[in-house]
C-alpha atoms as a PDB file:
ATOM      1  CA  MET A   1      19.597 -33.547  48.859  1.00  0.00           C
ATOM      2  CA  LYS A   2      16.472 -34.784  49.461  1.00  0.00           C
ATOM      3  CA  GLU A   3      14.806 -31.330  49.299  1.00  0.00           C
ATOM      4  CA  HIS A   4      16.746 -30.569  46.181  1.00  0.00           C
ATOM      5  CA  SER A   5      14.995 -33.740  44.294  1.00  0.00           C
ATOM      6  CA  LYS A   6      11.734 -32.633  45.703  1.00  0.00           C
ATOM      7  CA  SER A   7      12.213 -29.255  44.427  1.00  0.00           C
ATOM      8  CA  GLY A   8      13.425 -30.518  41.152  1.00  0.00           C
ATOM      9  CA  VAL A   9      10.327 -33.000  41.514  1.00  0.00           C
ATOM     10  CA  ALA A  10       8.565 -30.171  42.184  1.00  0.00           C
ATOM     11  CA  MET A  11       9.534 -27.897  38.621  1.00  0.00           C
ATOM     12  CA  GLN A  12       8.251 -30.676  36.416  1.00  0.00           C
ATOM     13  CA  SER A  13       4.717 -31.380  35.206  1.00  0.00           C
ATOM     14  CA  THR A  14       3.293 -33.959  32.685  1.00  0.00           C
ATOM     15  CA  CYS A  15       2.174 -32.351  29.210  1.00  0.00           C
ATOM     16  CA  HIS A  16      -1.686 -32.696  28.469  1.00  0.00           C
ATOM     17  CA  ILE A  17      -1.498 -33.533  25.273  1.00  0.00           C
ATOM     18  CA  CYS A  18       1.450 -36.317  24.906  1.00  0.00           C
ATOM     19  CA  GLY A  19       1.877 -36.927  28.496  1.00  0.00           C
ATOM     20  CA  HIS A  20       5.101 -36.774  28.763  1.00  0.00           C
ATOM     21  CA  VAL A  21       7.238 -35.603  31.548  1.00  0.00           C
ATOM     22  CA  PHE A  22       8.617 -31.645  31.131  1.00  0.00           C
ATOM     23  CA  PRO A  23      10.540 -29.053  33.294  1.00  0.00           C
ATOM     24  CA  ARG A  24       8.375 -26.046  33.987  1.00  0.00           C
ATOM     25  CA  SER A  25      10.394 -24.136  31.519  1.00  0.00           C
ATOM     26  CA  LYS A  26       9.423 -26.264  28.616  1.00  0.00           C
ATOM     27  CA  LEU A  27       5.496 -26.061  29.399  1.00  0.00           C
ATOM     28  CA  ARG A  28       3.017 -23.521  29.035  1.00  0.00           C
ATOM     29  CA  PRO A  29       0.316 -23.206  31.278  1.00  0.00           C
ATOM     30  CA  TRP A  30      -3.260 -23.331  30.454  1.00  0.00           C
ATOM     31  CA  ILE A  31      -3.890 -19.518  31.413  1.00  0.00           C
ATOM     32  CA  SER A  32      -1.177 -18.340  29.073  1.00  0.00           C
ATOM     33  CA  VAL A  33      -2.618 -20.083  25.999  1.00  0.00           C
ATOM     34  CA  LEU A  34      -4.658 -17.974  23.536  1.00  0.00           C
ATOM     35  CA  PRO A  35      -8.263 -18.528  24.328  1.00  0.00           C
ATOM     36  CA  ARG A  36      -9.196 -19.586  20.639  1.00  0.00           C
ATOM     37  CA  VAL A  37      -6.314 -21.753  20.452  1.00  0.00           C
ATOM     38  CA  SER A  38      -7.608 -23.229  23.884  1.00  0.00           C
ATOM     39  CA  ASP A  39     -10.601 -24.027  22.709  1.00  0.00           C
ATOM     40  CA  LEU A  40      -9.142 -25.974  19.646  1.00  0.00           C
ATOM     41  CA  ILE A  41      -7.018 -27.934  22.375  1.00  0.00           C
ATOM     42  CA  ALA A  42     -10.535 -28.557  24.371  1.00  0.00           C
ATOM     43  CA  GLN A  43     -11.757 -29.781  21.170  1.00  0.00           C
ATOM     44  CA  LYS A  44      -9.629 -32.241  20.286  1.00  0.00           C
ATOM     45  CA  THR A  45      -8.547 -33.431  23.787  1.00  0.00           C
ATOM     46  CA  PRO A  46     -11.323 -32.989  26.696  1.00  0.00           C
ATOM     47  CA  GLY A  47     -10.074 -31.902  30.103  1.00  0.00           C
ATOM     48  CA  TRP A  48      -7.937 -29.290  29.188  1.00  0.00           C
ATOM     49  CA  ILE A  49      -8.752 -26.834  31.635  1.00  0.00           C
ATOM     50  CA  GLU A  50      -6.834 -24.349  34.303  1.00  0.00           C
ATOM     51  CA  GLY A  51      -4.387 -26.210  35.884  1.00  0.00           C
ATOM     52  CA  LYS A  52      -2.931 -28.147  33.394  1.00  0.00           C
ATOM     53  CA  TYR A  53       0.198 -27.617  31.345  1.00  0.00           C
ATOM     54  CA  ILE A  54       1.160 -27.931  27.357  1.00  0.00           C
ATOM     55  CA  CYS A  55       4.553 -28.613  26.074  1.00  0.00           C
ATOM     56  CA  LYS A  56       6.009 -26.398  23.564  1.00  0.00           C
ATOM     57  CA  PRO A  57       6.133 -28.588  20.233  1.00  0.00           C
ATOM     58  CA  ASP A  58       2.195 -29.713  20.654  1.00  0.00           C
ATOM     59  CA  LEU A  59       1.604 -25.891  21.428  1.00  0.00           C
ATOM     60  CA  ALA A  60       2.956 -25.287  17.862  1.00  0.00           C
ATOM     61  CA  LYS A  61       1.343 -28.094  16.278  1.00  0.00           C
ATOM     62  CA  PHE A  62      -2.558 -26.498  17.706  1.00  0.00           C
ATOM     63  CA  ARG A  63      -1.134 -23.176  16.507  1.00  0.00           C
ATOM     64  CA  ARG A  64      -0.711 -23.978  12.919  1.00  0.00           C
ATOM     65  CA  GLN A  65      -3.609 -25.630  13.414  1.00  0.00           C
ATOM     66  CA  TYR A  66      -5.269 -22.558  13.966  1.00  0.00           C
ATOM     67  CA  VAL A  67      -3.750 -20.484  11.492  1.00  0.00           C
ATOM     68  CA  GLU A  68      -4.850 -22.989   9.052  1.00  0.00           C
ATOM     69  CA  LYS A  69      -8.171 -23.297   9.807  1.00  0.00           C
ATOM     70  CA  LEU A  70      -8.099 -18.860  10.217  1.00  0.00           C
ATOM     71  CA  LEU A  71      -6.146 -18.642   6.588  1.00  0.00           C
ATOM     72  CA  ALA A  72      -8.774 -20.943   5.456  1.00  0.00           C
ATOM     73  CA  ASP A  73     -12.050 -19.138   6.774  1.00  0.00           C
ATOM     74  CA  GLU A  74     -10.964 -16.192   5.228  1.00  0.00           C
ATOM     75  CA  ARG A  75      -8.811 -16.785   1.612  1.00  0.00           C
ATOM     76  CA  GLY A  76     -10.398 -20.533   1.336  1.00  0.00           C
ATOM     77  CA  GLU A  77      -7.877 -23.355   0.308  1.00  0.00           C
ATOM     78  CA  LEU A  78      -4.499 -22.717   1.159  1.00  0.00           C
ATOM     79  CA  ASP A  79      -2.392 -22.607  -1.521  1.00  0.00           C
ATOM     80  CA  ASP A  80       1.561 -23.514  -1.418  1.00  0.00           C
ATOM     81  CA  LEU A  81       3.018 -19.811  -0.748  1.00  0.00           C
ATOM     82  CA  THR A  82       0.639 -19.889   2.362  1.00  0.00           C
ATOM     83  CA  ARG A  83       1.460 -22.956   3.910  1.00  0.00           C
ATOM     84  CA  GLN A  84       5.006 -21.594   3.569  1.00  0.00           C
ATOM     85  CA  VAL A  85       4.253 -18.838   5.595  1.00  0.00           C
ATOM     86  CA  VAL A  86       2.116 -21.496   8.354  1.00  0.00           C
ATOM     87  CA  ASP A  87       5.229 -23.429   8.412  1.00  0.00           C
ATOM     88  CA  SER A  88       7.558 -20.919   9.193  1.00  0.00           C
ATOM     89  CA  LEU A  89       5.196 -19.769  12.204  1.00  0.00           C
ATOM     90  CA  GLU A  90       5.096 -23.691  13.444  1.00  0.00           C
ATOM     91  CA  ALA A  91       9.338 -23.811  12.962  1.00  0.00           C
ATOM     92  CA  GLY A  92       9.846 -19.981  14.386  1.00  0.00           C
ATOM     93  CA  GLU A  93      12.280 -19.524  11.133  1.00  0.00           C
ATOM     94  CA  LEU A  94      12.330 -16.806   9.048  1.00  0.00           C
ATOM     95  CA  VAL A  95       9.885 -16.118   5.831  1.00  0.00           C
ATOM     96  CA  SER A  96      12.048 -14.053   3.869  1.00  0.00           C
ATOM     97  CA  ARG A  97      14.926 -14.339   1.630  1.00  0.00           C
ATOM     98  CA  ASN A  98      17.372 -12.872  -0.846  1.00  0.00           C
ATOM     99  CA  THR A  99      15.413 -13.057  -4.336  1.00  0.00           C
ATOM    100  CA  GLU A 100      18.580 -11.807  -6.380  1.00  0.00           C
ATOM    101  CA  ASP A 101      20.907 -14.171  -4.770  1.00  0.00           C
ATOM    102  CA  GLU A 102      18.294 -16.984  -5.755  1.00  0.00           C
ATOM    103  CA  ILE A 103      18.213 -15.447  -9.585  1.00  0.00           C
ATOM    104  CA  ALA A 104      21.823 -15.211  -9.509  1.00  0.00           C
ATOM    105  CA  MET A 105      22.489 -18.678  -8.317  1.00  0.00           C
ATOM    106  CA  ASN A 106      19.820 -20.342 -10.841  1.00  0.00           C
ATOM    107  CA  SER A 107      20.402 -18.287 -14.099  1.00  0.00           C
ATOM    108  CA  THR A 108      22.424 -19.824 -17.285  1.00  0.00           C
ATOM    109  CA  PHE A 109      25.483 -18.195 -19.131  1.00  0.00           C
ATOM    110  CA  GLY A 110      23.044 -16.796 -21.867  1.00  0.00           C
ATOM    111  CA  GLU A 111      20.487 -15.452 -19.574  1.00  0.00           C
ATOM    112  CA  ARG A 112      23.218 -13.523 -18.159  1.00  0.00           C
ATOM    113  CA  THR A 113      24.726 -12.572 -21.125  1.00  0.00           C
ATOM    114  CA  ALA A 114      21.080 -11.934 -22.741  1.00  0.00           C
ATOM    115  CA  ASP A 115      20.958  -9.040 -19.628  1.00  0.00           C
ATOM    116  CA  LYS A 116      24.283  -7.378 -20.236  1.00  0.00           C
ATOM    117  CA  VAL A 117      23.010  -7.175 -23.862  1.00  0.00           C
ATOM    118  CA  ALA A 118      19.601  -5.874 -23.469  1.00  0.00           C
ATOM    119  CA  GLN A 119      20.989  -3.185 -20.721  1.00  0.00           C
ATOM    120  CA  PHE A 120      23.610  -2.395 -23.005  1.00  0.00           C
ATOM    121  CA  GLY A 121      21.135  -1.873 -26.178  1.00  0.00           C
ATOM    122  CA  GLY A 122      19.148   0.096 -23.768  1.00  0.00           C
ATOM    123  CA  SER A 123      21.684   2.468 -22.576  1.00  0.00           C
ATOM    124  CA  TRP A 124      22.473   6.264 -24.055  1.00  0.00           C
ATOM    125  CA  VAL A 125      26.111   4.774 -24.946  1.00  0.00           C
ATOM    126  CA  PHE A 126      24.354   2.359 -27.571  1.00  0.00           C
ATOM    127  CA  ILE A 127      22.145   4.858 -28.991  1.00  0.00           C
ATOM    128  CA  ILE A 128      24.857   7.754 -29.337  1.00  0.00           C
ATOM    129  CA  SER A 129      27.845   4.972 -31.077  1.00  0.00           C
ATOM    130  CA  PHE A 130      25.181   3.683 -33.300  1.00  0.00           C
ATOM    131  CA  GLY A 131      24.222   7.391 -34.000  1.00  0.00           C
ATOM    132  CA  VAL A 132      27.735   8.042 -35.148  1.00  0.00           C
ATOM    133  CA  VAL A 133      28.080   4.783 -36.882  1.00  0.00           C
ATOM    134  CA  LEU A 134      25.469   5.234 -39.057  1.00  0.00           C
ATOM    135  CA  MET A 135      26.619   9.166 -39.714  1.00  0.00           C
ATOM    136  CA  VAL A 136      29.562   7.933 -40.503  1.00  0.00           C
ATOM    137  CA  TRP A 137      28.685   5.438 -42.918  1.00  0.00           C
ATOM    138  CA  ILE A 138      26.218   7.537 -44.465  1.00  0.00           C
ATOM    139  CA  THR A 139      28.819  10.407 -45.205  1.00  0.00           C
ATOM    140  CA  LEU A 140      31.377   8.124 -46.346  1.00  0.00           C
ATOM    141  CA  ASN A 141      29.027   7.106 -49.074  1.00  0.00           C
ATOM    142  CA  VAL A 142      27.641  10.258 -50.183  1.00  0.00           C
ATOM    143  CA  ALA A 143      30.350  12.506 -49.847  1.00  0.00           C
ATOM    144  CA  GLY A 144      32.471  10.845 -52.408  1.00  0.00           C
ATOM    145  CA  LEU A 145      35.378  10.170 -50.578  1.00  0.00           C
ATOM    146  CA  PHE A 146      35.528   6.476 -52.632  1.00  0.00           C
ATOM    147  CA  ALA A 147      35.818   5.846 -56.329  1.00  0.00           C
ATOM    148  CA  ARG A 148      33.414   3.013 -55.598  1.00  0.00           C
ATOM    149  CA  PRO A 149      31.406   3.778 -52.512  1.00  0.00           C
ATOM    150  CA  PHE A 150      30.800   0.408 -50.980  1.00  0.00           C
ATOM    151  CA  ASP A 151      27.250   0.833 -50.208  1.00  0.00           C
ATOM    152  CA  PRO A 152      25.830   3.682 -52.560  1.00  0.00           C
ATOM    153  CA  TYR A 153      22.278   5.381 -52.019  1.00  0.00           C
ATOM    154  CA  PRO A 154      19.857   3.828 -50.923  1.00  0.00           C
ATOM    155  CA  PHE A 155      22.101   1.970 -49.030  1.00  0.00           C
ATOM    156  CA  ILE A 156      21.090  -1.158 -49.270  1.00  0.00           C
ATOM    157  CA  LEU A 157      23.819  -3.292 -47.349  1.00  0.00           C
ATOM    158  CA  LEU A 158      22.967  -0.540 -44.556  1.00  0.00           C
ATOM    159  CA  ASN A 159      19.444  -1.942 -44.619  1.00  0.00           C
ATOM    160  CA  LEU A 160      20.720  -5.383 -44.529  1.00  0.00           C
ATOM    161  CA  VAL A 161      22.650  -4.604 -41.088  1.00  0.00           C
ATOM    162  CA  LEU A 162      19.749  -3.055 -39.676  1.00  0.00           C
ATOM    163  CA  SER A 163      17.411  -5.742 -40.062  1.00  0.00           C
ATOM    164  CA  CYS A 164      20.173  -8.413 -38.960  1.00  0.00           C
ATOM    165  CA  LEU A 165      20.886  -6.410 -35.923  1.00  0.00           C
ATOM    166  CA  ALA A 166      17.263  -6.003 -35.694  1.00  0.00           C
ATOM    167  CA  ALA A 167      16.110  -9.877 -35.491  1.00  0.00           C
ATOM    168  CA  VAL A 168      19.085 -10.093 -33.343  1.00  0.00           C
ATOM    169  CA  GLN A 169      18.212  -7.858 -30.495  1.00  0.00           C
ATOM    170  CA  ALA A 170      14.400  -8.090 -30.540  1.00  0.00           C
ATOM    171  CA  PRO A 171      14.814 -12.086 -29.027  1.00  0.00           C
ATOM    172  CA  VAL A 172      17.679 -10.868 -26.819  1.00  0.00           C
ATOM    173  CA  ILE A 173      15.009  -7.941 -25.021  1.00  0.00           C
ATOM    174  CA  LEU A 174      12.174  -9.937 -24.684  1.00  0.00           C
ATOM    175  CA  MET A 175      14.315 -12.892 -23.175  1.00  0.00           C
ATOM    176  CA  SER A 176      15.592 -10.103 -20.406  1.00  0.00           C
ATOM    177  CA  GLN A 177      12.156  -8.913 -20.273  1.00  0.00           C
ATOM    178  CA  ARG A 178      11.128 -12.645 -19.349  1.00  0.00           C
ATOM    179  CA  ARG A 179      13.907 -12.985 -16.707  1.00  0.00           C
ATOM    180  CA  GLN A 180      13.028  -9.543 -15.465  1.00  0.00           C
ATOM    181  CA  GLU A 181       9.069 -10.576 -15.461  1.00  0.00           C
ATOM    182  CA  THR A 182      10.328 -13.908 -13.309  1.00  0.00           C
ATOM    183  CA  LYS A 183      12.322 -11.265 -10.654  1.00  0.00           C
ATOM    184  CA  ASP A 184       9.553  -9.445 -10.075  1.00  0.00           C
ATOM    185  CA  ARG A 185       7.094 -12.200  -9.393  1.00  0.00           C
ATOM    186  CA  LEU A 186       9.666 -13.704  -6.646  1.00  0.00           C
ATOM    187  CA  ARG A 187      10.067 -10.404  -4.968  1.00  0.00           C
ATOM    188  CA  ALA A 188       6.179 -10.149  -5.276  1.00  0.00           C
ATOM    189  CA  GLU A 189       5.934 -13.554  -3.786  1.00  0.00           C
ATOM    190  CA  ASN A 190       8.478 -12.639  -1.064  1.00  0.00           C
ATOM    191  CA  ASP A 191       6.451  -9.836  -0.140  1.00  0.00           C
ATOM    192  CA  TYR A 192       3.691 -11.579   0.152  1.00  0.00           C
ATOM    193  CA  ARG A 193       5.361 -13.995   2.593  1.00  0.00           C
ATOM    194  CA  VAL A 194       6.792 -11.403   5.005  1.00  0.00           C
ATOM    195  CA  ASN A 195       3.272  -9.258   4.796  1.00  0.00           C
ATOM    196  CA  LEU A 196       1.138 -12.712   5.585  1.00  0.00           C
ATOM    197  CA  LYS A 197       3.584 -13.671   8.649  1.00  0.00           C
ATOM    198  CA  ALA A 198       3.564 -10.079   9.956  1.00  0.00           C
ATOM    199  CA  GLU A 199      -0.316  -9.890   9.339  1.00  0.00           C
ATOM    200  CA  LEU A 200      -0.869 -13.428  11.025  1.00  0.00           C
ATOM    201  CA  GLU A 201       1.588 -12.403  14.228  1.00  0.00           C
ATOM    202  CA  ILE A 202      -0.063  -9.030  14.744  1.00  0.00           C
ATOM    203  CA  ARG A 203      -3.373 -10.682  15.274  1.00  0.00           C
ATOM    204  CA  GLN A 204      -1.834 -13.178  17.374  1.00  0.00           C
ATOM    205  CA  LEU A 205      -0.316 -10.191  19.292  1.00  0.00           C
ATOM    206  CA  HIS A 206      -3.745  -8.699  19.597  1.00  0.00           C
ATOM    207  CA  GLU A 207      -5.546 -11.640  21.237  1.00  0.00           C
ATOM    208  CA  LYS A 208      -2.817 -12.131  23.586  1.00  0.00           C
ATOM    209  CA  ILE A 209      -3.260  -8.742  24.793  1.00  0.00           C
ATOM    210  CA  ASP A 210      -7.003  -9.103  24.761  1.00  0.00           C
ATOM    211  CA  HIS A 211      -6.534 -12.403  26.885  1.00  0.00           C
ATOM    212  CA  GLN A 212      -4.337 -10.676  29.578  1.00  0.00           C
ATOM    213  CA  LEU A 213      -6.779  -7.868  29.491  1.00  0.00           C
ATOM    214  CA  ALA A 214      -9.276  -9.567  30.180  1.00  0.00           C
ATOM    215  CA  HIS A 215      -7.308 -11.784  33.231  1.00  0.00           C
ATOM    216  CA  GLN A 216      -6.358  -8.584  34.489  1.00  0.00           C
ATOM    217  CA  TRP A 217     -10.406  -7.233  34.691  1.00  0.00           C
ATOM    218  CA  GLU A 218     -11.100 -10.429  36.240  1.00  0.00           C
ATOM    219  CA  LYS A 219      -8.023 -10.224  38.895  1.00  0.00           C
ATOM    220  CA  LEU A 220      -9.091  -6.689  39.866  1.00  0.00           C
ATOM    221  CA  ALA A 221     -12.632  -7.361  40.136  1.00  0.00           C
ATOM    222  CA  GLU A 222     -12.082 -10.149  42.506  1.00  0.00           C
ATOM    223  CA  LEU A 223      -9.697  -7.891  44.591  1.00  0.00           C
ATOM    224  CA  GLN A 224     -12.376  -5.359  44.583  1.00  0.00           C
ATOM    225  CA  GLN A 225     -14.830  -7.539  45.693  1.00  0.00           C
ATOM    226  CA  ILE A 226     -12.496  -8.676  48.519  1.00  0.00           C
ATOM    227  CA  GLN A 227     -12.277  -5.313  49.573  1.00  0.00           C
ATOM    228  CA  ILE A 228     -15.875  -4.596  49.542  1.00  0.00           C
ATOM    229  CA  GLU A 229     -16.162  -7.871  52.066  1.00  0.00           C
ATOM    230  CA  LEU A 230     -13.573  -6.590  54.267  1.00  0.00           C
ATOM    231  CA  LEU A 231     -15.331  -3.113  54.618  1.00  0.00           C
ATOM    232  CA  GLU A 232     -18.828  -4.968  54.829  1.00  0.00           C
ATOM    233  CA  GLU A 233     -16.969  -6.806  57.812  1.00  0.00           C
ATOM    234  CA  ARG A 234     -15.270  -4.215  59.505  1.00  0.00           C
ATOM    235  CA  ASN A 235     -19.052  -1.961  59.461  1.00  0.00           C
ATOM    236  CA  ASP A 236     -20.608  -5.124  61.350  1.00  0.00           C
ATOM    237  CA  ARG A 237     -17.573  -5.077  63.635  1.00  0.00           C
ATOM    238  CA  HIS A 238     -18.264  -1.688  64.644  1.00  0.00           C
ATOM    239  CA  HIS A 239     -22.173  -2.333  64.832  1.00  0.00           C
END
């Protein structure tokens, strides 16, 4: 029982930032932190050296500060979309969302009706059916099928109907186009967030790989130095 308790204590360490004791599984050692993030931690809390540990929530905060500083240096002042990406990186959440569902939930009955009217007004069904109506209208009033045509040439009533239809159809089409612009803007914002987060994560991966390669080179150099020393000692013994 004593050995178990001792091993349990040995598997715990103190966070260098907050000073709380955590299991090793919830801590990150100094060697595994990215160099630039590690430099930022050392600036804020002196004494951050090899052998120290940091808890994952504090590490996420420093990663956020590093990303904000990186984006501010490259892009200037951070906007709302960029801050959403930074928040998602800190929380480890997905930044993409389904814009179609969002638009459908926020659309009114009039807006949905305008979309359907604009969709029908720009289809071949509407063009062919409206062309048939025009031809029938003109034929009935020109061919003399009625003793008194209801709209004789020059078709003043037909012109009035077409003018009224155009007056109603134009605002409906403009309303639908405005909604389409809103959809395109939301899609573009979603693509921007996803691309920016991917860019930041790829950059962090590059830095992590470079850091690990540099650490591996240091280990190889140490092993090579030890081998050289062993060979020198062996040669000295032979002499």
